[in-house]
Amino acid sequence: MGRLAAIGDVGGHPDQLRRALDQLGATEQGLPRDLTVIQVGDLVDRGPDSAGVLDIVAKLLDEQPRQWIQLAGNHEAQYLPGGTVFWREPLAEGGVARLREWWAAGHLRVAEAVRTGEGEELLFTHAGLTLPCWQRLGEPRSAAVAAELLNERPELIWETGAHARDDRAGPLWAESGAALHESWMAYRDVVPFGQVHGHSTVVRFADRTWRCAGRIRQRASVDWQARHVRVRVGGRVFTGIDPGHGRTGATGWHPLVLDDARITGPSPH
């Protein structure tokens, strides 16, 4: 067990990533020895310097590969073999090559599993695993098995459903609320594990308004300062950590920190 932190979408803002690393105690020598970081994808696009973000992550993956776990977001997946570029200002060739190298080497993953000090299992993905996608995996009862299956079946990353709000959307595309939470609210048993995801949120942090149905709001709590949203679903908690940087960056936010947790999936390297 040790300290584990999850960093939400970065979106081309190296200054925001450095801020998060500073908050976690990182120095020029790297991450503290007791810390493991999971970054949930969408490192690139929107912000001013996607290449600068990739440079920071490349150094961490090179020097502390067991402490930095990099997940893919839909903005990375568009540049991978089989992906379709959708962003109007695509990455330069060097950035695309770097992402493809990470994917081929297993440094860029779809999912990771964590067990907290309280014994709670958590599945980390970019956008969350909807009920239909979980059923397509064979209904794994543990986050570790779900993560392993997702990393073995990357075809799910291309699934957008009829729309990202469709609950058939895969773990890189599902929208918070309509696709992710509402699908699990229809499940008649105890949800098998909690989840942590980025990609989207059921609130607007800038003006503290809601973007979801009332029944989701009734089950949600928001840390407006950290920009974390927790939704209670079937006896578990789904935590959204997308800070919503947009083109200008968030004025304030914090990584999600679990003080006593460990990775339970296979070693990523």
C-alpha atoms as a PDB file:
ATOM      1  CA  MET A   1       0.000   0.000   0.000  1.00  0.00           C
ATOM      2  CA  GLY A   2       1.092   3.555  -0.662  1.00  0.00           C
ATOM      3  CA  ARG A   3      -0.101   6.908  -1.875  1.00  0.00           C
ATOM      4  CA  LEU A   4      -1.894   6.873  -5.219  1.00  0.00           C
ATOM      5  CA  ALA A   5      -3.046   9.893  -7.192  1.00  0.00           C
ATOM      6  CA  ALA A   6      -5.208  10.242 -10.281  1.00  0.00           C
ATOM      7  CA  ILE A   7      -4.791  13.205 -12.611  1.00  0.00           C
ATOM      8  CA  GLY A   8      -7.717  14.140 -14.838  1.00  0.00           C
ATOM      9  CA  ASP A   9      -7.702  15.353 -18.425  1.00  0.00           C
ATOM     10  CA  VAL A  10      -4.799  17.686 -19.219  1.00  0.00           C
ATOM     11  CA  GLY A  11      -5.863  18.803 -22.695  1.00  0.00           C
ATOM     12  CA  GLY A  12      -2.666  20.353 -24.011  1.00  0.00           C
ATOM     13  CA  HIS A  13      -1.844  22.428 -20.903  1.00  0.00           C
ATOM     14  CA  PRO A  14       1.660  21.591 -19.617  1.00  0.00           C
ATOM     15  CA  ASP A  15       1.361  24.312 -16.972  1.00  0.00           C
ATOM     16  CA  GLN A  16      -1.686  22.551 -15.517  1.00  0.00           C
ATOM     17  CA  LEU A  17       0.122  19.218 -15.464  1.00  0.00           C
ATOM     18  CA  ARG A  18       3.125  20.788 -13.715  1.00  0.00           C
ATOM     19  CA  ARG A  19       0.769  22.342 -11.156  1.00  0.00           C
ATOM     20  CA  ALA A  20      -0.705  18.928 -10.388  1.00  0.00           C
ATOM     21  CA  LEU A  21       2.753  17.374 -10.071  1.00  0.00           C
ATOM     22  CA  ASP A  22       3.843  20.179  -7.738  1.00  0.00           C
ATOM     23  CA  GLN A  23       0.795  19.544  -5.554  1.00  0.00           C
ATOM     24  CA  LEU A  24       1.802  15.886  -5.336  1.00  0.00           C
ATOM     25  CA  GLY A  25       5.324  16.711  -4.186  1.00  0.00           C
ATOM     26  CA  ALA A  26       7.182  16.079  -7.447  1.00  0.00           C
ATOM     27  CA  THR A  27      10.527  17.798  -7.970  1.00  0.00           C
ATOM     28  CA  GLU A  28      13.072  18.028 -10.759  1.00  0.00           C
ATOM     29  CA  GLN A  29      14.211  14.569  -9.601  1.00  0.00           C
ATOM     30  CA  GLY A  30      10.743  13.144 -10.292  1.00  0.00           C
ATOM     31  CA  LEU A  31       7.866  11.719  -8.292  1.00  0.00           C
ATOM     32  CA  PRO A  32       8.164  10.948  -4.568  1.00  0.00           C
ATOM     33  CA  ARG A  33       9.085   7.298  -4.021  1.00  0.00           C
ATOM     34  CA  ASP A  34       5.858   6.533  -2.166  1.00  0.00           C
ATOM     35  CA  LEU A  35       3.620   7.858  -4.963  1.00  0.00           C
ATOM     36  CA  THR A  36       2.002   6.143  -7.945  1.00  0.00           C
ATOM     37  CA  VAL A  37       0.131   8.295 -10.471  1.00  0.00           C
ATOM     38  CA  ILE A  38      -2.586   7.250 -12.898  1.00  0.00           C
ATOM     39  CA  GLN A  39      -3.311   9.798 -15.604  1.00  0.00           C
ATOM     40  CA  VAL A  40      -6.690   9.061 -17.179  1.00  0.00           C
ATOM     41  CA  GLY A  41      -6.024  10.229 -20.726  1.00  0.00           C
ATOM     42  CA  ASP A  42      -6.681  13.242 -22.961  1.00  0.00           C
ATOM     43  CA  LEU A  43      -3.201  14.611 -22.552  1.00  0.00           C
ATOM     44  CA  VAL A  44      -3.451  16.413 -25.881  1.00  0.00           C
ATOM     45  CA  ASP A  45      -5.563  18.875 -27.911  1.00  0.00           C
ATOM     46  CA  ARG A  46      -7.457  22.056 -26.984  1.00  0.00           C
ATOM     47  CA  GLY A  47      -4.641  23.751 -25.056  1.00  0.00           C
ATOM     48  CA  PRO A  48      -1.621  25.612 -26.425  1.00  0.00           C
ATOM     49  CA  ASP A  49       1.138  23.002 -26.124  1.00  0.00           C
ATOM     50  CA  SER A  50       0.299  19.317 -26.512  1.00  0.00           C
ATOM     51  CA  ALA A  51       3.923  18.551 -27.388  1.00  0.00           C
ATOM     52  CA  GLY A  52       5.019  20.085 -24.088  1.00  0.00           C
ATOM     53  CA  VAL A  53       2.629  17.806 -22.192  1.00  0.00           C
ATOM     54  CA  LEU A  54       3.967  14.752 -24.011  1.00  0.00           C
ATOM     55  CA  ASP A  55       7.533  15.798 -23.138  1.00  0.00           C
ATOM     56  CA  ILE A  56       6.680  15.834 -19.417  1.00  0.00           C
ATOM     57  CA  VAL A  57       5.012  12.424 -19.581  1.00  0.00           C
ATOM     58  CA  ALA A  58       7.809  10.933 -21.691  1.00  0.00           C
ATOM     59  CA  LYS A  59      10.354  11.823 -19.003  1.00  0.00           C
ATOM     60  CA  LEU A  60       8.216  10.200 -16.291  1.00  0.00           C
ATOM     61  CA  LEU A  61       7.637   7.062 -18.354  1.00  0.00           C
ATOM     62  CA  ASP A  62      11.360   6.809 -19.109  1.00  0.00           C
ATOM     63  CA  GLU A  63      12.613   7.423 -15.578  1.00  0.00           C
ATOM     64  CA  GLN A  64       9.804   6.130 -13.323  1.00  0.00           C
ATOM     65  CA  PRO A  65       7.741   3.722 -15.422  1.00  0.00           C
ATOM     66  CA  ARG A  66       6.369   1.811 -12.424  1.00  0.00           C
ATOM     67  CA  GLN A  67       5.128   4.987 -10.795  1.00  0.00           C
ATOM     68  CA  TRP A  68       3.458   6.627 -13.798  1.00  0.00           C
ATOM     69  CA  ILE A  69       0.543   4.775 -15.388  1.00  0.00           C
ATOM     70  CA  GLN A  70      -0.702   6.375 -18.568  1.00  0.00           C
ATOM     71  CA  LEU A  71      -4.210   5.664 -19.834  1.00  0.00           C
ATOM     72  CA  ALA A  72      -5.478   6.521 -23.293  1.00  0.00           C
ATOM     73  CA  GLY A  73      -8.251   9.020 -23.876  1.00  0.00           C
ATOM     74  CA  ASN A  74     -10.291   9.451 -27.021  1.00  0.00           C
ATOM     75  CA  HIS A  75      -7.958  12.288 -28.017  1.00  0.00           C
ATOM     76  CA  GLU A  76      -5.000   9.881 -27.962  1.00  0.00           C
ATOM     77  CA  ALA A  77      -6.955   7.045 -29.590  1.00  0.00           C
ATOM     78  CA  GLN A  78      -7.632   9.082 -32.722  1.00  0.00           C
ATOM     79  CA  TYR A  79      -3.910   8.946 -33.480  1.00  0.00           C
ATOM     80  CA  LEU A  80      -3.470   5.212 -32.870  1.00  0.00           C
ATOM     81  CA  PRO A  81      -3.561   2.572 -35.636  1.00  0.00           C
ATOM     82  CA  GLY A  82      -7.231   2.107 -36.508  1.00  0.00           C
ATOM     83  CA  GLY A  83      -8.262   5.504 -35.170  1.00  0.00           C
ATOM     84  CA  THR A  84      -9.875   8.303 -37.151  1.00  0.00           C
ATOM     85  CA  VAL A  85      -8.550  11.812 -36.567  1.00  0.00           C
ATOM     86  CA  PHE A  86     -11.404  14.089 -35.545  1.00  0.00           C
ATOM     87  CA  TRP A  87      -9.640  17.064 -33.954  1.00  0.00           C
ATOM     88  CA  ARG A  88      -9.444  20.094 -36.235  1.00  0.00           C
ATOM     89  CA  GLU A  89      -5.890  20.929 -35.123  1.00  0.00           C
ATOM     90  CA  PRO A  90      -4.184  17.511 -35.136  1.00  0.00           C
ATOM     91  CA  LEU A  91      -0.873  16.689 -33.510  1.00  0.00           C
ATOM     92  CA  ALA A  92       2.353  17.026 -35.427  1.00  0.00           C
ATOM     93  CA  GLU A  93       3.952  13.830 -36.722  1.00  0.00           C
ATOM     94  CA  GLY A  94       6.383  13.635 -33.802  1.00  0.00           C
ATOM     95  CA  GLY A  95       3.580  13.584 -31.255  1.00  0.00           C
ATOM     96  CA  VAL A  96       1.650  10.960 -33.195  1.00  0.00           C
ATOM     97  CA  ALA A  97       4.762   8.780 -33.440  1.00  0.00           C
ATOM     98  CA  ARG A  98       5.345   9.080 -29.696  1.00  0.00           C
ATOM     99  CA  LEU A  99       1.775   7.983 -28.859  1.00  0.00           C
ATOM    100  CA  ARG A 100       2.029   5.028 -31.214  1.00  0.00           C
ATOM    101  CA  GLU A 101       5.331   3.979 -29.653  1.00  0.00           C
ATOM    102  CA  TRP A 102       3.772   4.071 -26.182  1.00  0.00           C
ATOM    103  CA  TRP A 103       0.779   2.043 -27.390  1.00  0.00           C
ATOM    104  CA  ALA A 104       2.979  -0.597 -29.034  1.00  0.00           C
ATOM    105  CA  ALA A 105       5.180  -0.872 -25.926  1.00  0.00           C
ATOM    106  CA  GLY A 106       2.245  -1.159 -23.505  1.00  0.00           C
ATOM    107  CA  HIS A 107       2.955   2.219 -21.890  1.00  0.00           C
ATOM    108  CA  LEU A 108      -0.427   3.525 -23.039  1.00  0.00           C
ATOM    109  CA  ARG A 109      -3.264   1.445 -21.606  1.00  0.00           C
ATOM    110  CA  VAL A 110      -7.055   1.374 -21.643  1.00  0.00           C
ATOM    111  CA  ALA A 111      -7.667   0.604 -17.962  1.00  0.00           C
ATOM    112  CA  GLU A 112      -6.126   0.055 -14.540  1.00  0.00           C
ATOM    113  CA  ALA A 113      -7.473  -1.415 -11.295  1.00  0.00           C
ATOM    114  CA  VAL A 114      -6.851  -0.220  -7.743  1.00  0.00           C
ATOM    115  CA  ARG A 115      -7.690  -1.504  -4.273  1.00  0.00           C
ATOM    116  CA  THR A 116      -8.022   1.091  -1.524  1.00  0.00           C
ATOM    117  CA  GLY A 117      -7.003   0.660   2.092  1.00  0.00           C
ATOM    118  CA  GLU A 118     -10.671   0.083   2.933  1.00  0.00           C
ATOM    119  CA  GLY A 119     -10.798  -2.821   0.478  1.00  0.00           C
ATOM    120  CA  GLU A 120     -12.789  -1.013  -2.200  1.00  0.00           C
ATOM    121  CA  GLU A 121     -12.043  -1.963  -5.795  1.00  0.00           C
ATOM    122  CA  LEU A 122     -11.869   0.815  -8.377  1.00  0.00           C
ATOM    123  CA  LEU A 123     -11.672   0.637 -12.151  1.00  0.00           C
ATOM    124  CA  PHE A 124      -9.843   3.544 -13.800  1.00  0.00           C
ATOM    125  CA  THR A 125     -10.596   4.381 -17.431  1.00  0.00           C
ATOM    126  CA  HIS A 126     -10.819   7.557 -19.455  1.00  0.00           C
ATOM    127  CA  ALA A 127     -14.603   7.825 -19.727  1.00  0.00           C
ATOM    128  CA  GLY A 128     -16.003   5.024 -17.566  1.00  0.00           C
ATOM    129  CA  LEU A 129     -17.298   1.533 -18.289  1.00  0.00           C
ATOM    130  CA  THR A 130     -21.027   1.490 -19.023  1.00  0.00           C
ATOM    131  CA  LEU A 131     -23.284  -1.407 -18.086  1.00  0.00           C
ATOM    132  CA  PRO A 132     -23.637  -2.711 -21.688  1.00  0.00           C
ATOM    133  CA  CYS A 133     -19.852  -2.607 -22.197  1.00  0.00           C
ATOM    134  CA  TRP A 134     -19.337  -4.441 -18.894  1.00  0.00           C
ATOM    135  CA  GLN A 135     -21.785  -7.071 -20.099  1.00  0.00           C
ATOM    136  CA  ARG A 136     -19.858  -7.378 -23.369  1.00  0.00           C
ATOM    137  CA  LEU A 137     -16.767  -8.157 -21.296  1.00  0.00           C
ATOM    138  CA  GLY A 138     -18.591 -11.102 -19.696  1.00  0.00           C
ATOM    139  CA  GLU A 139     -19.662  -9.298 -16.504  1.00  0.00           C
ATOM    140  CA  PRO A 140     -16.360  -9.477 -14.584  1.00  0.00           C
ATOM    141  CA  ARG A 141     -16.935  -9.173 -10.851  1.00  0.00           C
ATOM    142  CA  SER A 142     -13.603  -7.522 -10.037  1.00  0.00           C
ATOM    143  CA  ALA A 143     -11.993  -4.325 -11.275  1.00  0.00           C
ATOM    144  CA  ALA A 144      -8.712  -6.199 -11.845  1.00  0.00           C
ATOM    145  CA  VAL A 145     -10.327  -8.666 -14.246  1.00  0.00           C
ATOM    146  CA  ALA A 146     -12.248  -5.875 -15.990  1.00  0.00           C
ATOM    147  CA  ALA A 147      -9.029  -3.905 -16.499  1.00  0.00           C
ATOM    148  CA  GLU A 148      -7.218  -6.944 -17.847  1.00  0.00           C
ATOM    149  CA  LEU A 149     -10.025  -7.661 -20.307  1.00  0.00           C
ATOM    150  CA  LEU A 150     -10.169  -4.052 -21.462  1.00  0.00           C
ATOM    151  CA  ASN A 151      -6.428  -4.005 -22.069  1.00  0.00           C
ATOM    152  CA  GLU A 152      -6.728  -7.237 -24.057  1.00  0.00           C
ATOM    153  CA  ARG A 153      -9.756  -6.043 -26.070  1.00  0.00           C
ATOM    154  CA  PRO A 154      -8.855  -2.568 -27.292  1.00  0.00           C
ATOM    155  CA  GLU A 155     -11.545  -2.771 -29.998  1.00  0.00           C
ATOM    156  CA  LEU A 156     -13.904  -1.351 -27.373  1.00  0.00           C
ATOM    157  CA  ILE A 157     -12.022   1.935 -27.452  1.00  0.00           C
ATOM    158  CA  TRP A 158     -13.483   2.782 -30.854  1.00  0.00           C
ATOM    159  CA  GLU A 159     -17.087   2.335 -29.692  1.00  0.00           C
ATOM    160  CA  THR A 160     -18.954   5.631 -29.629  1.00  0.00           C
ATOM    161  CA  GLY A 161     -22.470   4.148 -29.742  1.00  0.00           C
ATOM    162  CA  ALA A 162     -24.983   6.054 -31.805  1.00  0.00           C
ATOM    163  CA  HIS A 163     -23.664   9.039 -29.838  1.00  0.00           C
ATOM    164  CA  ALA A 164     -21.373   9.414 -26.842  1.00  0.00           C
ATOM    165  CA  ARG A 165     -24.538   9.691 -24.718  1.00  0.00           C
ATOM    166  CA  ASP A 166     -25.513   6.196 -25.850  1.00  0.00           C
ATOM    167  CA  ASP A 167     -24.778   3.604 -23.156  1.00  0.00           C
ATOM    168  CA  ARG A 168     -23.112   1.413 -25.789  1.00  0.00           C
ATOM    169  CA  ALA A 169     -20.265   3.934 -25.970  1.00  0.00           C
ATOM    170  CA  GLY A 170     -16.931   2.445 -24.976  1.00  0.00           C
ATOM    171  CA  PRO A 171     -14.593   3.377 -22.106  1.00  0.00           C
ATOM    172  CA  LEU A 172     -12.943   6.195 -24.043  1.00  0.00           C
ATOM    173  CA  TRP A 173     -16.171   7.832 -25.221  1.00  0.00           C
ATOM    174  CA  ALA A 174     -19.047   7.349 -22.753  1.00  0.00           C
ATOM    175  CA  GLU A 175     -20.585  10.544 -21.421  1.00  0.00           C
ATOM    176  CA  SER A 176     -21.094  11.085 -17.706  1.00  0.00           C
ATOM    177  CA  GLY A 177     -24.722  10.989 -16.730  1.00  0.00           C
ATOM    178  CA  ALA A 178     -26.798   9.691 -19.628  1.00  0.00           C
ATOM    179  CA  ALA A 179     -24.411   6.954 -20.815  1.00  0.00           C
ATOM    180  CA  LEU A 180     -22.439   5.998 -17.714  1.00  0.00           C
ATOM    181  CA  HIS A 181     -24.512   6.630 -14.609  1.00  0.00           C
ATOM    182  CA  GLU A 182     -27.988   6.009 -15.937  1.00  0.00           C
ATOM    183  CA  SER A 183     -27.032   2.665 -17.437  1.00  0.00           C
ATOM    184  CA  TRP A 184     -25.774   1.400 -14.063  1.00  0.00           C
ATOM    185  CA  MET A 185     -28.794   2.832 -12.249  1.00  0.00           C
ATOM    186  CA  ALA A 186     -30.872   0.299 -14.168  1.00  0.00           C
ATOM    187  CA  TYR A 187     -28.782  -2.588 -12.799  1.00  0.00           C
ATOM    188  CA  ARG A 188     -30.771  -4.666 -10.283  1.00  0.00           C
ATOM    189  CA  ASP A 189     -27.860  -5.988  -8.223  1.00  0.00           C
ATOM    190  CA  VAL A 190     -24.956  -4.454  -6.312  1.00  0.00           C
ATOM    191  CA  VAL A 191     -22.610  -2.807  -8.798  1.00  0.00           C
ATOM    192  CA  PRO A 192     -19.417  -4.927  -8.773  1.00  0.00           C
ATOM    193  CA  PHE A 193     -16.845  -2.125  -8.293  1.00  0.00           C
ATOM    194  CA  GLY A 194     -16.452   1.627  -8.181  1.00  0.00           C
ATOM    195  CA  GLN A 195     -14.987   3.672 -10.995  1.00  0.00           C
ATOM    196  CA  VAL A 196     -12.764   6.711 -11.551  1.00  0.00           C
ATOM    197  CA  HIS A 197     -12.895   8.482 -14.903  1.00  0.00           C
ATOM    198  CA  GLY A 198     -12.253  11.720 -16.760  1.00  0.00           C
ATOM    199  CA  HIS A 199     -13.582  12.776 -20.196  1.00  0.00           C
ATOM    200  CA  SER A 200     -16.740  14.600 -19.116  1.00  0.00           C
ATOM    201  CA  THR A 201     -18.669  15.772 -16.098  1.00  0.00           C
ATOM    202  CA  VAL A 202     -22.265  16.225 -14.985  1.00  0.00           C
ATOM    203  CA  VAL A 203     -21.607  19.801 -13.805  1.00  0.00           C
ATOM    204  CA  ARG A 204     -20.250  23.068 -15.164  1.00  0.00           C
ATOM    205  CA  PHE A 205     -17.519  24.092 -12.769  1.00  0.00           C
ATOM    206  CA  ALA A 206     -17.273  27.678 -14.030  1.00  0.00           C
ATOM    207  CA  ASP A 207     -20.779  28.647 -12.895  1.00  0.00           C
ATOM    208  CA  ARG A 208     -21.580  25.681 -10.617  1.00  0.00           C
ATOM    209  CA  THR A 209     -24.550  24.463 -12.630  1.00  0.00           C
ATOM    210  CA  TRP A 210     -25.740  20.932 -13.354  1.00  0.00           C
ATOM    211  CA  ARG A 211     -25.869  19.109 -16.689  1.00  0.00           C
ATOM    212  CA  CYS A 212     -27.694  15.911 -15.746  1.00  0.00           C
ATOM    213  CA  ALA A 213     -31.059  14.436 -14.835  1.00  0.00           C
ATOM    214  CA  GLY A 214     -32.418  15.082 -11.351  1.00  0.00           C
ATOM    215  CA  ARG A 215     -32.024  11.490 -10.212  1.00  0.00           C
ATOM    216  CA  ILE A 216     -28.271  11.668 -10.878  1.00  0.00           C
ATOM    217  CA  ARG A 217     -28.030  14.989  -9.076  1.00  0.00           C
ATOM    218  CA  GLN A 218     -29.753  13.449  -6.058  1.00  0.00           C
ATOM    219  CA  ARG A 219     -26.973  10.871  -5.825  1.00  0.00           C
ATOM    220  CA  ALA A 220     -24.082  13.243  -6.537  1.00  0.00           C
ATOM    221  CA  SER A 221     -21.743  15.313  -4.408  1.00  0.00           C
ATOM    222  CA  VAL A 222     -19.288  17.857  -5.766  1.00  0.00           C
ATOM    223  CA  ASP A 223     -15.960  19.113  -4.493  1.00  0.00           C
ATOM    224  CA  TRP A 224     -16.014  22.407  -6.375  1.00  0.00           C
ATOM    225  CA  GLN A 225     -12.480  23.354  -5.364  1.00  0.00           C
ATOM    226  CA  ALA A 226     -10.870  20.066  -6.431  1.00  0.00           C
ATOM    227  CA  ARG A 227     -13.296  19.659  -9.371  1.00  0.00           C
ATOM    228  CA  HIS A 228     -14.287  16.113  -8.429  1.00  0.00           C
ATOM    229  CA  VAL A 229     -17.808  14.732  -8.787  1.00  0.00           C
ATOM    230  CA  ARG A 230     -18.884  11.613  -6.880  1.00  0.00           C
ATOM    231  CA  VAL A 231     -22.062   9.770  -7.872  1.00  0.00           C
ATOM    232  CA  ARG A 232     -23.429   6.904  -5.747  1.00  0.00           C
ATOM    233  CA  VAL A 233     -24.552   4.032  -7.979  1.00  0.00           C
ATOM    234  CA  GLY A 234     -25.727   0.628  -6.749  1.00  0.00           C
ATOM    235  CA  GLY A 235     -23.706   0.662  -3.537  1.00  0.00           C
ATOM    236  CA  ARG A 236     -20.550   2.020  -5.212  1.00  0.00           C
ATOM    237  CA  VAL A 237     -19.135   5.441  -6.020  1.00  0.00           C
ATOM    238  CA  PHE A 238     -18.182   6.667  -9.484  1.00  0.00           C
ATOM    239  CA  THR A 239     -15.770   9.607  -9.282  1.00  0.00           C
ATOM    240  CA  GLY A 240     -15.294  11.989 -12.200  1.00  0.00           C
ATOM    241  CA  ILE A 241     -12.025  13.936 -12.237  1.00  0.00           C
ATOM    242  CA  ASP A 242     -12.113  15.872 -15.530  1.00  0.00           C
ATOM    243  CA  PRO A 243     -11.267  19.454 -14.446  1.00  0.00           C
ATOM    244  CA  GLY A 244     -12.613  20.924 -17.698  1.00  0.00           C
ATOM    245  CA  HIS A 245      -9.558  22.900 -18.784  1.00  0.00           C
ATOM    246  CA  GLY A 246     -10.904  23.838 -22.202  1.00  0.00           C
ATOM    247  CA  ARG A 247      -8.666  26.182 -24.168  1.00  0.00           C
ATOM    248  CA  THR A 248      -7.632  28.404 -21.276  1.00  0.00           C
ATOM    249  CA  GLY A 249      -7.117  26.002 -18.348  1.00  0.00           C
ATOM    250  CA  ALA A 250      -8.926  25.687 -15.026  1.00  0.00           C
ATOM    251  CA  THR A 251      -8.369  28.390 -12.422  1.00  0.00           C
ATOM    252  CA  GLY A 252      -8.023  25.793  -9.663  1.00  0.00           C
ATOM    253  CA  TRP A 253      -8.266  22.025  -9.248  1.00  0.00           C
ATOM    254  CA  HIS A 254      -6.521  19.114  -7.551  1.00  0.00           C
ATOM    255  CA  PRO A 255      -5.603  15.523  -8.367  1.00  0.00           C
ATOM    256  CA  LEU A 256      -7.604  12.809  -6.640  1.00  0.00           C
ATOM    257  CA  VAL A 257      -5.414  11.349  -3.873  1.00  0.00           C
ATOM    258  CA  LEU A 258      -5.894   7.960  -2.189  1.00  0.00           C
ATOM    259  CA  ASP A 259      -3.554   7.786   0.785  1.00  0.00           C
ATOM    260  CA  ASP A 260      -3.559   4.014   1.174  1.00  0.00           C
ATOM    261  CA  ALA A 261      -4.040   2.143  -2.102  1.00  0.00           C
ATOM    262  CA  ARG A 262      -2.316  -0.193  -4.507  1.00  0.00           C
ATOM    263  CA  ILE A 263      -2.506  -1.255  -8.125  1.00  0.00           C
ATOM    264  CA  THR A 264      -4.158  -4.680  -8.443  1.00  0.00           C
ATOM    265  CA  GLY A 265      -3.926  -5.214 -12.186  1.00  0.00           C
ATOM    266  CA  PRO A 266      -0.913  -6.726 -13.951  1.00  0.00           C
ATOM    267  CA  SER A 267       2.202  -4.573 -14.009  1.00  0.00           C
ATOM    268  CA  PRO A 268       1.952  -2.226 -17.003  1.00  0.00           C
ATOM    269  CA  HIS A 269       5.679  -2.492 -17.835  1.00  0.00           C
END
